[in-house]
Every structure is written in structure tokens, then in C-alpha cells.
Amino acid sequence: MKKVPVVVASFMLFGGVSQARPSKKESSYAVDTRNSKLVWVDKKVTGEHTGFVPITNGSLVWADNKLKGGNFDIDVKNLTVTDITDASYNEKLVGHLKNDDFFAVAKYPKASFVISSVTPKGANNYEIVGKLTIKGITQEVRFPAVVKAEKSLLTAQAKIKVDRTKFDIRYRSSNFFENLGDKAIENDFTLDVNLVANASSSQQ
């Protein structure tokens, strides 16, 4: 039997058969909770209310010059109202938002969001699909986002429209109550997300 030259044998083993490419490193960016902001906007027939909800922690994953994933946690227990200057009325509304009519913070003090998939759309634009959990209920949400990278910093902006009734928040919803008139509250509210994240570590 004819011997196969060592060089040819090596080519057959390593060059002739395609090898899986090693995955590139992913960079994990820790969300800067002091400089990140989450604004909520809730509309009703006679106007709207706005406020902040603290982001307690989170991370964004970056690889191949693109966003790959991420998550963040929300401290619903410490939400605030920013459009009401009267201290007494402000405190009353905050208390109502925290009770069982809305977010039931005594039982569900935290909410969270985890990215399921990311589709690049060009020029720092993405379509994000993820799992939003409020009051222990998880629902899929889809929204556009803008994510920019500059050296060791990532910034991300997005507006997430949330159907509150899917999270068992039915107070003054015309889907469940009749004859509400001008007391009706819209089913959708908006989370205006502005994340700032700093490079923390590299991982496979």
C-alpha cells in the first residue's frame, strides 16, 4: 500500500475538512444605575402622568460591533411621580400606584426585562424582542432601539409600549369596566428607557 505523504495527510486532516471558527469574545457592559433613567408615561382621557422608576442593575452584551443581548431590573417599589407639584396629591398618587390596583409592590417590588433576540437594522438601530416581567407575569414585548458604542461606553435608548392589562393591571380599563367616561385610563403605558453602560469584563 502506498504511504500518504505527511504533508498531504496534514492537509486532509486540518485543511481539507472545514473547521468550526472559534467564537469571538463578547464584552459585557455593566449598566450605570446612577446615570441610566427609566421614565414611565401613563395617559388617561383628561391628561397624563409621568414619573421615574429606578434601575437597580443590568448589563448589555456587545460583540462584532453589535448588540447581542442584555437585561435590567426595575425597582417598582421606589417609583416616583414627577408631573404633580402638590406634595399631598403626589403622595396620594404614588401610594395608589403602589397598591393592588396597579403594581402591588408589597408582593412584587421588582420588575425585570431580558432580551430574547436582537436584529440589527443599520446605523445603530435595532429591533429588540424580550421578556418583560411585572407583578410576576412575563410577557413578550417588541420595540425599536438605538444603541451606540464609544470606547468603553454603551448608550441605549428605547420606548417600550406596554399593555398593562396583560400584567393584571385592570384599574379603570375600558376592556373590563363599562361607563367609565372621562375616568378611563388607557391600557398602554410607555417606558422611556435610557441606559448608560460601562465595559466591565470580557468573556467567551
N, C-alpha and C. Protein backbone atom coordinates (compact mmCIF):
# COMPACT_ATOMS: atom_id res chain seq x y z
N MET A 1 0.85 -1.20 0.00
CA MET A 1 0.00 0.00 0.00
C MET A 1 0.88 1.24 0.00
N LYS A 2 0.46 2.22 -0.80
CA LYS A 2 1.26 3.43 -0.92
C LYS A 2 1.05 4.33 0.28
N LYS A 3 2.13 4.83 0.85
CA LYS A 3 2.02 5.71 2.01
C LYS A 3 1.63 7.12 1.56
N VAL A 4 0.76 7.75 2.33
CA VAL A 4 0.36 9.12 2.05
C VAL A 4 1.37 10.05 2.68
N PRO A 5 1.96 10.96 1.92
CA PRO A 5 2.93 11.89 2.49
C PRO A 5 2.35 12.63 3.69
N VAL A 6 3.23 12.92 4.64
CA VAL A 6 2.80 13.59 5.88
C VAL A 6 2.12 14.91 5.59
N VAL A 7 2.68 15.68 4.63
CA VAL A 7 2.11 17.00 4.31
C VAL A 7 0.69 16.87 3.79
N VAL A 8 0.47 15.86 2.88
CA VAL A 8 -0.85 15.64 2.32
C VAL A 8 -1.82 15.19 3.40
N ALA A 9 -1.34 14.29 4.26
CA ALA A 9 -2.19 13.82 5.35
C ALA A 9 -2.61 14.95 6.27
N SER A 10 -1.69 15.86 6.55
CA SER A 10 -1.99 17.01 7.40
C SER A 10 -3.04 17.90 6.76
N PHE A 11 -2.90 18.10 5.44
CA PHE A 11 -3.88 18.93 4.72
C PHE A 11 -5.27 18.31 4.78
N MET A 12 -5.31 16.98 4.59
CA MET A 12 -6.60 16.29 4.63
C MET A 12 -7.26 16.42 5.99
N LEU A 13 -6.42 16.39 7.03
CA LEU A 13 -6.96 16.42 8.39
C LEU A 13 -7.39 17.81 8.80
N PHE A 14 -6.54 18.80 8.48
CA PHE A 14 -6.80 20.15 9.01
C PHE A 14 -7.28 21.15 7.96
N GLY A 15 -6.89 20.93 6.70
CA GLY A 15 -7.26 21.90 5.67
C GLY A 15 -8.40 21.43 4.81
N GLY A 16 -8.45 20.14 4.50
CA GLY A 16 -9.47 19.63 3.61
C GLY A 16 -10.83 19.55 4.25
N VAL A 17 -10.88 19.49 5.58
CA VAL A 17 -12.15 19.43 6.30
C VAL A 17 -12.35 20.77 6.99
N SER A 18 -13.51 21.41 6.76
CA SER A 18 -13.75 22.73 7.36
C SER A 18 -13.83 22.61 8.87
N GLN A 19 -13.19 23.53 9.54
CA GLN A 19 -13.17 23.55 11.00
C GLN A 19 -14.06 24.68 11.50
N ALA A 20 -14.73 24.45 12.62
CA ALA A 20 -15.59 25.49 13.20
C ALA A 20 -14.73 26.66 13.66
N ARG A 21 -15.15 27.86 13.32
CA ARG A 21 -14.41 29.04 13.74
C ARG A 21 -14.62 29.29 15.22
N PRO A 22 -13.56 29.65 15.94
CA PRO A 22 -13.74 29.95 17.36
C PRO A 22 -14.60 31.19 17.52
N SER A 23 -15.48 31.17 18.48
CA SER A 23 -16.36 32.31 18.69
C SER A 23 -15.57 33.50 19.20
N LYS A 24 -15.95 34.67 18.72
CA LYS A 24 -15.28 35.89 19.15
C LYS A 24 -15.73 36.27 20.55
N LYS A 25 -14.86 37.00 21.23
CA LYS A 25 -15.17 37.37 22.60
C LYS A 25 -16.32 38.36 22.66
N GLU A 26 -17.14 38.20 23.66
CA GLU A 26 -18.23 39.13 23.91
C GLU A 26 -17.83 40.03 25.07
N SER A 27 -18.15 41.28 24.96
CA SER A 27 -17.86 42.23 26.04
C SER A 27 -19.13 42.51 26.83
N SER A 28 -19.02 42.40 28.12
CA SER A 28 -20.15 42.66 29.00
C SER A 28 -20.03 44.08 29.56
N TYR A 29 -21.09 44.86 29.40
CA TYR A 29 -21.12 46.24 29.89
C TYR A 29 -22.11 46.33 31.05
N ALA A 30 -21.64 46.78 32.19
CA ALA A 30 -22.49 46.91 33.37
C ALA A 30 -23.29 48.21 33.30
N VAL A 31 -24.59 48.11 33.50
CA VAL A 31 -25.45 49.30 33.46
C VAL A 31 -25.10 50.23 34.63
N ASP A 32 -24.86 51.48 34.31
CA ASP A 32 -24.59 52.52 35.31
C ASP A 32 -25.94 53.01 35.83
N THR A 33 -26.31 52.53 37.00
CA THR A 33 -27.65 52.82 37.53
C THR A 33 -27.83 54.29 37.92
N ARG A 34 -26.75 54.98 38.17
CA ARG A 34 -26.85 56.39 38.57
C ARG A 34 -27.11 57.29 37.36
N ASN A 35 -26.58 56.90 36.21
CA ASN A 35 -26.73 57.73 35.01
C ASN A 35 -27.76 57.19 34.02
N SER A 36 -28.32 56.03 34.31
CA SER A 36 -29.39 55.48 33.47
C SER A 36 -30.74 55.97 34.00
N LYS A 37 -31.72 56.03 33.12
CA LYS A 37 -33.01 56.59 33.51
C LYS A 37 -34.15 55.80 32.86
N LEU A 38 -35.19 55.57 33.64
CA LEU A 38 -36.40 54.91 33.13
C LEU A 38 -37.59 55.80 33.49
N VAL A 39 -38.22 56.38 32.46
CA VAL A 39 -39.36 57.27 32.64
C VAL A 39 -40.63 56.53 32.24
N TRP A 40 -41.65 56.59 33.08
CA TRP A 40 -42.94 56.00 32.72
C TRP A 40 -43.93 57.11 32.38
N VAL A 41 -44.78 56.84 31.41
CA VAL A 41 -45.82 57.78 31.00
C VAL A 41 -47.13 57.02 30.90
N ASP A 42 -48.13 57.48 31.65
CA ASP A 42 -49.44 56.82 31.67
C ASP A 42 -50.50 57.85 31.29
N LYS A 43 -51.28 57.56 30.26
CA LYS A 43 -52.26 58.53 29.77
C LYS A 43 -53.69 58.14 30.16
N LYS A 44 -54.52 59.16 30.32
CA LYS A 44 -55.94 58.97 30.58
C LYS A 44 -56.71 59.97 29.75
N VAL A 45 -58.03 59.91 29.80
CA VAL A 45 -58.85 60.79 28.97
C VAL A 45 -58.56 62.26 29.24
N THR A 46 -58.34 62.60 30.50
CA THR A 46 -58.19 64.01 30.88
C THR A 46 -56.74 64.47 30.97
N GLY A 47 -55.78 63.63 30.60
CA GLY A 47 -54.39 64.06 30.67
C GLY A 47 -53.44 62.89 30.79
N GLU A 48 -52.31 63.10 31.45
CA GLU A 48 -51.34 62.05 31.64
C GLU A 48 -50.52 62.29 32.90
N HIS A 49 -49.88 61.25 33.37
CA HIS A 49 -48.95 61.35 34.49
C HIS A 49 -47.61 60.76 34.07
N THR A 50 -46.54 61.30 34.66
CA THR A 50 -45.19 60.81 34.36
C THR A 50 -44.41 60.62 35.66
N GLY A 51 -43.35 59.84 35.55
CA GLY A 51 -42.50 59.63 36.72
C GLY A 51 -41.28 58.79 36.38
N PHE A 52 -40.50 58.50 37.42
CA PHE A 52 -39.30 57.69 37.27
C PHE A 52 -39.46 56.36 38.00
N VAL A 53 -38.74 55.35 37.49
CA VAL A 53 -38.60 54.09 38.21
C VAL A 53 -37.10 53.77 38.22
N PRO A 54 -36.50 53.55 39.39
CA PRO A 54 -35.06 53.29 39.44
C PRO A 54 -34.69 51.96 38.77
N ILE A 55 -33.56 51.97 38.06
CA ILE A 55 -32.97 50.74 37.54
C ILE A 55 -31.92 50.31 38.55
N THR A 56 -32.02 49.09 39.04
CA THR A 56 -31.14 48.65 40.12
C THR A 56 -29.87 47.96 39.64
N ASN A 57 -29.94 47.27 38.52
CA ASN A 57 -28.75 46.64 37.94
C ASN A 57 -29.09 46.16 36.54
N GLY A 58 -28.07 45.73 35.82
CA GLY A 58 -28.29 45.22 34.47
C GLY A 58 -26.99 45.14 33.70
N SER A 59 -27.07 44.61 32.49
CA SER A 59 -25.88 44.51 31.65
C SER A 59 -26.29 44.46 30.18
N LEU A 60 -25.38 44.87 29.32
CA LEU A 60 -25.55 44.77 27.88
C LEU A 60 -24.39 43.97 27.31
N VAL A 61 -24.67 43.12 26.34
CA VAL A 61 -23.63 42.28 25.74
C VAL A 61 -23.34 42.77 24.33
N TRP A 62 -22.05 42.97 24.04
CA TRP A 62 -21.62 43.55 22.77
C TRP A 62 -20.58 42.63 22.13
N ALA A 63 -20.72 42.33 20.83
CA ALA A 63 -19.75 41.52 20.12
C ALA A 63 -19.83 41.82 18.63
N ASP A 64 -18.69 41.75 17.93
CA ASP A 64 -18.66 42.02 16.48
C ASP A 64 -19.27 43.38 16.14
N ASN A 65 -19.04 44.34 17.04
CA ASN A 65 -19.55 45.70 16.84
C ASN A 65 -21.07 45.77 16.78
N LYS A 66 -21.71 44.86 17.48
CA LYS A 66 -23.18 44.84 17.52
C LYS A 66 -23.67 44.47 18.92
N LEU A 67 -24.88 44.92 19.21
CA LEU A 67 -25.55 44.49 20.44
C LEU A 67 -25.98 43.03 20.28
N LYS A 68 -25.72 42.23 21.31
CA LYS A 68 -26.07 40.80 21.25
C LYS A 68 -27.13 40.41 22.28
N GLY A 69 -27.21 41.13 23.38
CA GLY A 69 -28.17 40.76 24.42
C GLY A 69 -28.10 41.73 25.58
N GLY A 70 -28.83 41.41 26.64
CA GLY A 70 -28.81 42.27 27.81
C GLY A 70 -30.02 42.07 28.70
N ASN A 71 -30.02 42.77 29.81
CA ASN A 71 -31.11 42.69 30.78
C ASN A 71 -30.99 43.84 31.76
N PHE A 72 -32.08 44.13 32.45
CA PHE A 72 -32.02 45.08 33.57
C PHE A 72 -33.19 44.82 34.52
N ASP A 73 -32.99 45.22 35.77
CA ASP A 73 -34.00 45.08 36.82
C ASP A 73 -34.53 46.45 37.21
N ILE A 74 -35.81 46.49 37.59
CA ILE A 74 -36.50 47.74 37.89
C ILE A 74 -37.04 47.71 39.31
N ASP A 75 -36.79 48.77 40.06
CA ASP A 75 -37.22 48.87 41.45
C ASP A 75 -38.59 49.56 41.52
N VAL A 76 -39.65 48.79 41.26
CA VAL A 76 -41.00 49.36 41.20
C VAL A 76 -41.40 49.93 42.57
N LYS A 77 -40.89 49.37 43.64
CA LYS A 77 -41.26 49.81 44.99
C LYS A 77 -40.90 51.28 45.22
N ASN A 78 -39.91 51.78 44.47
CA ASN A 78 -39.46 53.16 44.67
C ASN A 78 -39.77 54.06 43.48
N LEU A 79 -40.87 53.76 42.78
CA LEU A 79 -41.28 54.62 41.67
C LEU A 79 -41.68 56.00 42.20
N THR A 80 -41.59 57.00 41.34
CA THR A 80 -41.96 58.36 41.72
C THR A 80 -42.89 58.96 40.67
N VAL A 81 -43.55 60.04 41.05
CA VAL A 81 -44.39 60.84 40.13
C VAL A 81 -43.73 62.20 39.99
N THR A 82 -43.57 62.68 38.75
CA THR A 82 -42.85 63.94 38.53
C THR A 82 -43.73 65.08 38.01
N ASP A 83 -44.95 64.80 37.59
CA ASP A 83 -45.77 65.86 36.99
C ASP A 83 -46.66 66.58 38.01
N ILE A 84 -46.71 66.11 39.25
CA ILE A 84 -47.58 66.72 40.27
C ILE A 84 -46.72 67.43 41.31
N THR A 85 -46.91 68.74 41.44
CA THR A 85 -46.10 69.53 42.37
C THR A 85 -46.70 69.57 43.78
N ASP A 86 -48.00 69.40 43.89
CA ASP A 86 -48.64 69.40 45.21
C ASP A 86 -48.21 68.14 45.97
N ALA A 87 -47.54 68.32 47.08
CA ALA A 87 -46.94 67.21 47.82
C ALA A 87 -47.97 66.18 48.27
N SER A 88 -49.11 66.66 48.75
CA SER A 88 -50.14 65.76 49.25
C SER A 88 -50.73 64.91 48.12
N TYR A 89 -51.05 65.55 46.99
CA TYR A 89 -51.63 64.85 45.85
C TYR A 89 -50.60 63.88 45.24
N ASN A 90 -49.33 64.33 45.21
CA ASN A 90 -48.27 63.49 44.69
C ASN A 90 -48.14 62.20 45.51
N GLU A 91 -48.12 62.37 46.82
CA GLU A 91 -48.00 61.21 47.72
C GLU A 91 -49.19 60.27 47.56
N LYS A 92 -50.38 60.84 47.37
CA LYS A 92 -51.59 60.02 47.21
C LYS A 92 -51.51 59.18 45.94
N LEU A 93 -51.07 59.79 44.83
CA LEU A 93 -50.98 59.05 43.58
C LEU A 93 -49.90 57.97 43.65
N VAL A 94 -48.75 58.31 44.23
CA VAL A 94 -47.68 57.32 44.39
C VAL A 94 -48.18 56.11 45.19
N GLY A 95 -48.91 56.40 46.28
CA GLY A 95 -49.45 55.32 47.09
C GLY A 95 -50.43 54.46 46.33
N HIS A 96 -51.24 55.09 45.48
CA HIS A 96 -52.22 54.34 44.69
C HIS A 96 -51.52 53.45 43.67
N LEU A 97 -50.48 53.99 43.01
CA LEU A 97 -49.73 53.20 42.03
C LEU A 97 -49.05 51.99 42.67
N LYS A 98 -48.72 52.11 43.94
CA LYS A 98 -48.03 51.02 44.63
C LYS A 98 -48.98 49.97 45.19
N ASN A 99 -50.30 50.30 45.26
CA ASN A 99 -51.21 49.32 45.87
C ASN A 99 -51.69 48.29 44.85
N ASP A 100 -52.63 47.47 45.25
CA ASP A 100 -53.04 46.33 44.42
C ASP A 100 -53.80 46.73 43.15
N ASP A 101 -54.30 47.97 43.07
CA ASP A 101 -54.95 48.41 41.84
C ASP A 101 -53.97 48.47 40.68
N PHE A 102 -52.70 48.71 41.01
CA PHE A 102 -51.68 48.84 39.97
C PHE A 102 -50.56 47.82 40.17
N PHE A 103 -49.45 48.20 40.80
CA PHE A 103 -48.25 47.35 40.78
C PHE A 103 -48.07 46.44 41.99
N ALA A 104 -48.90 46.57 43.00
CA ALA A 104 -48.85 45.67 44.17
C ALA A 104 -47.41 45.46 44.64
N VAL A 105 -46.72 46.56 44.96
CA VAL A 105 -45.29 46.49 45.25
C VAL A 105 -44.95 45.74 46.53
N ALA A 106 -45.89 45.62 47.45
CA ALA A 106 -45.60 44.86 48.67
C ALA A 106 -45.31 43.40 48.34
N LYS A 107 -45.98 42.89 47.32
CA LYS A 107 -45.78 41.50 46.89
C LYS A 107 -44.81 41.39 45.72
N TYR A 108 -44.80 42.42 44.86
CA TYR A 108 -43.95 42.38 43.67
C TYR A 108 -43.11 43.67 43.60
N PRO A 109 -42.08 43.79 44.43
CA PRO A 109 -41.29 45.03 44.48
C PRO A 109 -40.39 45.25 43.27
N LYS A 110 -40.13 44.19 42.51
CA LYS A 110 -39.21 44.30 41.38
C LYS A 110 -39.90 43.90 40.07
N ALA A 111 -39.45 44.50 38.98
CA ALA A 111 -39.80 44.09 37.63
C ALA A 111 -38.49 43.86 36.89
N SER A 112 -38.56 43.21 35.73
CA SER A 112 -37.32 42.93 35.02
C SER A 112 -37.56 42.82 33.52
N PHE A 113 -36.48 42.99 32.77
CA PHE A 113 -36.53 42.83 31.31
C PHE A 113 -35.30 42.07 30.86
N VAL A 114 -35.51 41.07 29.99
CA VAL A 114 -34.40 40.26 29.45
C VAL A 114 -34.55 40.18 27.93
N ILE A 115 -33.50 40.51 27.21
CA ILE A 115 -33.53 40.45 25.75
C ILE A 115 -33.54 39.00 25.28
N SER A 116 -34.47 38.69 24.37
CA SER A 116 -34.54 37.36 23.76
C SER A 116 -33.81 37.31 22.42
N SER A 117 -33.99 38.36 21.61
CA SER A 117 -33.33 38.40 20.31
C SER A 117 -33.08 39.85 19.90
N VAL A 118 -32.05 40.02 19.06
CA VAL A 118 -31.66 41.34 18.58
C VAL A 118 -31.49 41.27 17.07
N THR A 119 -32.14 42.18 16.35
CA THR A 119 -32.00 42.23 14.90
C THR A 119 -31.43 43.59 14.50
N PRO A 120 -30.19 43.64 14.01
CA PRO A 120 -29.61 44.92 13.57
C PRO A 120 -30.37 45.47 12.36
N LYS A 121 -30.59 46.78 12.37
CA LYS A 121 -31.31 47.43 11.28
C LYS A 121 -30.45 48.49 10.59
N GLY A 122 -29.18 48.57 10.96
CA GLY A 122 -28.28 49.53 10.36
C GLY A 122 -28.24 50.84 11.10
N ALA A 123 -27.07 51.52 11.04
CA ALA A 123 -26.90 52.86 11.62
C ALA A 123 -27.30 52.91 13.10
N ASN A 124 -26.81 51.94 13.88
CA ASN A 124 -27.05 51.87 15.34
C ASN A 124 -28.49 51.54 15.72
N ASN A 125 -29.31 51.18 14.74
CA ASN A 125 -30.71 50.84 15.01
C ASN A 125 -30.90 49.33 15.12
N TYR A 126 -31.78 48.94 16.04
CA TYR A 126 -32.05 47.52 16.28
C TYR A 126 -33.55 47.31 16.52
N GLU A 127 -33.97 46.09 16.24
CA GLU A 127 -35.29 45.66 16.70
C GLU A 127 -35.05 44.67 17.84
N ILE A 128 -35.63 44.96 18.97
CA ILE A 128 -35.42 44.15 20.17
C ILE A 128 -36.69 43.37 20.50
N VAL A 129 -36.52 42.10 20.80
CA VAL A 129 -37.60 41.29 21.34
C VAL A 129 -37.13 40.78 22.70
N GLY A 130 -38.01 40.89 23.69
CA GLY A 130 -37.60 40.46 25.02
C GLY A 130 -38.75 40.10 25.92
N LYS A 131 -38.40 39.65 27.12
CA LYS A 131 -39.37 39.23 28.12
C LYS A 131 -39.43 40.27 29.24
N LEU A 132 -40.60 40.90 29.37
CA LEU A 132 -40.84 41.87 30.44
C LEU A 132 -41.67 41.20 31.53
N THR A 133 -41.19 41.28 32.77
CA THR A 133 -41.90 40.68 33.90
C THR A 133 -42.36 41.77 34.86
N ILE A 134 -43.67 41.85 35.07
CA ILE A 134 -44.27 42.79 36.02
C ILE A 134 -45.30 42.02 36.83
N LYS A 135 -45.32 42.22 38.13
CA LYS A 135 -46.25 41.52 39.02
C LYS A 135 -46.15 39.99 38.86
N GLY A 136 -44.95 39.51 38.60
CA GLY A 136 -44.74 38.07 38.47
C GLY A 136 -45.24 37.48 37.17
N ILE A 137 -45.72 38.34 36.25
CA ILE A 137 -46.24 37.89 34.95
C ILE A 137 -45.25 38.29 33.86
N THR A 138 -44.88 37.35 33.01
CA THR A 138 -43.91 37.61 31.94
C THR A 138 -44.61 37.63 30.59
N GLN A 139 -44.37 38.69 29.84
CA GLN A 139 -44.94 38.84 28.50
C GLN A 139 -43.84 39.28 27.53
N GLU A 140 -44.02 38.90 26.27
CA GLU A 140 -43.06 39.32 25.24
C GLU A 140 -43.39 40.72 24.77
N VAL A 141 -42.35 41.54 24.61
CA VAL A 141 -42.51 42.88 24.05
C VAL A 141 -41.51 43.05 22.90
N ARG A 142 -41.87 43.89 21.95
CA ARG A 142 -41.03 44.13 20.76
C ARG A 142 -40.97 45.63 20.53
N PHE A 143 -39.78 46.17 20.26
CA PHE A 143 -39.65 47.60 20.10
C PHE A 143 -38.35 47.96 19.39
N PRO A 144 -38.27 49.14 18.77
CA PRO A 144 -37.02 49.61 18.17
C PRO A 144 -36.12 50.24 19.23
N ALA A 145 -34.83 50.20 19.00
CA ALA A 145 -33.88 50.80 19.93
C ALA A 145 -32.68 51.36 19.16
N VAL A 146 -32.03 52.32 19.77
CA VAL A 146 -30.78 52.87 19.22
C VAL A 146 -29.68 52.61 20.24
N VAL A 147 -28.63 51.92 19.81
CA VAL A 147 -27.53 51.57 20.70
C VAL A 147 -26.22 52.04 20.07
N LYS A 148 -25.44 52.79 20.83
CA LYS A 148 -24.17 53.33 20.33
C LYS A 148 -23.02 52.91 21.24
N ALA A 149 -21.89 52.62 20.62
CA ALA A 149 -20.68 52.25 21.37
C ALA A 149 -19.61 53.30 21.15
N GLU A 150 -18.97 53.73 22.25
CA GLU A 150 -17.87 54.68 22.16
C GLU A 150 -16.83 54.30 23.20
N LYS A 151 -15.76 53.65 22.70
CA LYS A 151 -14.69 53.15 23.56
C LYS A 151 -15.26 52.21 24.61
N SER A 152 -15.19 52.58 25.88
CA SER A 152 -15.65 51.68 26.95
C SER A 152 -17.07 51.98 27.41
N LEU A 153 -17.83 52.70 26.57
CA LEU A 153 -19.17 53.12 26.97
C LEU A 153 -20.20 52.70 25.93
N LEU A 154 -21.35 52.21 26.41
CA LEU A 154 -22.50 51.93 25.56
C LEU A 154 -23.66 52.79 26.02
N THR A 155 -24.43 53.31 25.08
CA THR A 155 -25.68 54.01 25.42
C THR A 155 -26.80 53.37 24.61
N ALA A 156 -27.95 53.25 25.23
CA ALA A 156 -29.10 52.63 24.57
C ALA A 156 -30.36 53.43 24.89
N GLN A 157 -31.13 53.72 23.86
CA GLN A 157 -32.40 54.43 24.04
C GLN A 157 -33.53 53.64 23.37
N ALA A 158 -34.66 53.58 24.05
CA ALA A 158 -35.81 52.86 23.50
C ALA A 158 -37.09 53.33 24.18
N LYS A 159 -38.20 53.20 23.47
CA LYS A 159 -39.52 53.42 24.05
C LYS A 159 -40.28 52.10 23.95
N ILE A 160 -40.67 51.59 25.11
CA ILE A 160 -41.38 50.31 25.16
C ILE A 160 -42.85 50.57 25.49
N LYS A 161 -43.73 50.19 24.57
CA LYS A 161 -45.16 50.32 24.84
C LYS A 161 -45.64 49.05 25.53
N VAL A 162 -46.29 49.22 26.66
CA VAL A 162 -46.71 48.09 27.49
C VAL A 162 -48.22 48.09 27.67
N ASP A 163 -48.85 46.99 27.36
CA ASP A 163 -50.28 46.81 27.62
C ASP A 163 -50.42 46.33 29.07
N ARG A 164 -50.83 47.24 29.95
CA ARG A 164 -50.87 46.93 31.38
C ARG A 164 -51.84 45.80 31.71
N THR A 165 -52.90 45.64 30.90
CA THR A 165 -53.89 44.61 31.22
C THR A 165 -53.30 43.20 31.11
N LYS A 166 -52.23 43.04 30.33
CA LYS A 166 -51.58 41.74 30.21
C LYS A 166 -50.82 41.37 31.48
N PHE A 167 -50.63 42.36 32.35
CA PHE A 167 -49.94 42.14 33.62
C PHE A 167 -50.91 42.27 34.80
N ASP A 168 -52.18 42.04 34.51
CA ASP A 168 -53.23 42.07 35.53
C ASP A 168 -53.35 43.44 36.20
N ILE A 169 -53.16 44.50 35.43
CA ILE A 169 -53.40 45.86 35.92
C ILE A 169 -54.63 46.37 35.16
N ARG A 170 -55.79 46.21 35.75
CA ARG A 170 -57.05 46.47 35.04
C ARG A 170 -57.79 47.71 35.52
N TYR A 171 -57.26 48.41 36.48
CA TYR A 171 -57.94 49.56 37.08
C TYR A 171 -58.36 50.57 36.00
N ARG A 172 -59.66 50.87 35.96
CA ARG A 172 -60.26 51.82 35.03
C ARG A 172 -59.90 51.53 33.56
N SER A 173 -59.82 50.26 33.24
CA SER A 173 -59.60 49.87 31.84
C SER A 173 -60.95 49.64 31.18
N SER A 174 -61.15 50.25 30.01
CA SER A 174 -62.43 50.09 29.30
C SER A 174 -62.61 48.67 28.78
N ASN A 175 -61.55 47.87 28.82
CA ASN A 175 -61.67 46.46 28.42
C ASN A 175 -62.45 45.64 29.45
N PHE A 176 -62.45 46.14 30.68
CA PHE A 176 -63.06 45.36 31.76
C PHE A 176 -64.17 46.09 32.51
N PHE A 177 -64.25 47.41 32.34
CA PHE A 177 -65.27 48.19 33.05
C PHE A 177 -66.03 49.08 32.06
N GLU A 178 -67.34 49.18 32.25
CA GLU A 178 -68.18 49.98 31.37
C GLU A 178 -68.48 51.34 31.97
N ASN A 179 -68.87 52.26 31.09
CA ASN A 179 -69.35 53.59 31.51
C ASN A 179 -68.33 54.35 32.35
N LEU A 180 -67.05 54.26 31.98
CA LEU A 180 -66.01 54.97 32.73
C LEU A 180 -65.95 56.45 32.36
N GLY A 181 -66.42 56.77 31.15
CA GLY A 181 -66.40 58.16 30.72
C GLY A 181 -64.99 58.73 30.75
N ASP A 182 -64.87 59.96 31.31
CA ASP A 182 -63.54 60.60 31.35
C ASP A 182 -62.66 60.07 32.48
N LYS A 183 -63.12 59.06 33.18
CA LYS A 183 -62.30 58.44 34.24
C LYS A 183 -61.48 57.26 33.70
N ALA A 184 -61.67 56.92 32.42
CA ALA A 184 -60.94 55.79 31.83
C ALA A 184 -59.45 56.10 31.72
N ILE A 185 -58.65 55.06 31.95
CA ILE A 185 -57.19 55.15 31.80
C ILE A 185 -56.79 54.25 30.63
N GLU A 186 -55.92 54.74 29.76
CA GLU A 186 -55.50 53.95 28.61
C GLU A 186 -54.85 52.64 29.04
N ASN A 187 -55.04 51.61 28.23
CA ASN A 187 -54.45 50.32 28.55
C ASN A 187 -52.93 50.32 28.39
N ASP A 188 -52.45 51.09 27.43
CA ASP A 188 -51.00 51.13 27.17
C ASP A 188 -50.34 52.24 27.98
N PHE A 189 -49.19 51.91 28.56
CA PHE A 189 -48.32 52.95 29.10
C PHE A 189 -46.95 52.78 28.47
N THR A 190 -46.12 53.80 28.58
CA THR A 190 -44.82 53.80 27.90
C THR A 190 -43.68 53.83 28.91
N LEU A 191 -42.66 53.02 28.63
CA LEU A 191 -41.41 53.08 29.38
C LEU A 191 -40.35 53.68 28.46
N ASP A 192 -39.88 54.86 28.82
CA ASP A 192 -38.85 55.54 28.04
C ASP A 192 -37.51 55.20 28.67
N VAL A 193 -36.75 54.32 28.00
CA VAL A 193 -35.53 53.76 28.58
C VAL A 193 -34.29 54.46 28.03
N ASN A 194 -33.43 54.92 28.93
CA ASN A 194 -32.13 55.47 28.56
C ASN A 194 -31.07 54.80 29.42
N LEU A 195 -30.31 53.90 28.81
CA LEU A 195 -29.29 53.15 29.55
C LEU A 195 -27.89 53.67 29.22
N VAL A 196 -27.07 53.76 30.25
CA VAL A 196 -25.64 54.03 30.10
C VAL A 196 -24.93 52.84 30.73
N ALA A 197 -24.01 52.23 29.98
CA ALA A 197 -23.33 51.03 30.49
C ALA A 197 -21.83 51.13 30.23
N ASN A 198 -21.06 50.65 31.20
CA ASN A 198 -19.62 50.71 31.14
C ASN A 198 -19.01 49.31 30.98
N ALA A 199 -17.96 49.21 30.18
CA ALA A 199 -17.29 47.92 29.97
C ALA A 199 -16.84 47.37 31.31
N SER A 200 -17.21 46.10 31.57
CA SER A 200 -16.89 45.50 32.88
C SER A 200 -15.96 44.32 32.76
N SER A 201 -16.19 43.45 31.73
CA SER A 201 -15.35 42.26 31.59
C SER A 201 -15.51 41.69 30.20
N SER A 202 -14.63 40.77 29.83
CA SER A 202 -14.72 40.07 28.55
C SER A 202 -14.91 38.60 28.83
N GLN A 203 -15.74 37.98 28.02
CA GLN A 203 -15.98 36.57 28.22
C GLN A 203 -16.25 35.91 26.89
N GLN A 204 -16.04 34.58 26.83
CA GLN A 204 -16.22 33.83 25.58
C GLN A 204 -17.67 33.88 25.16
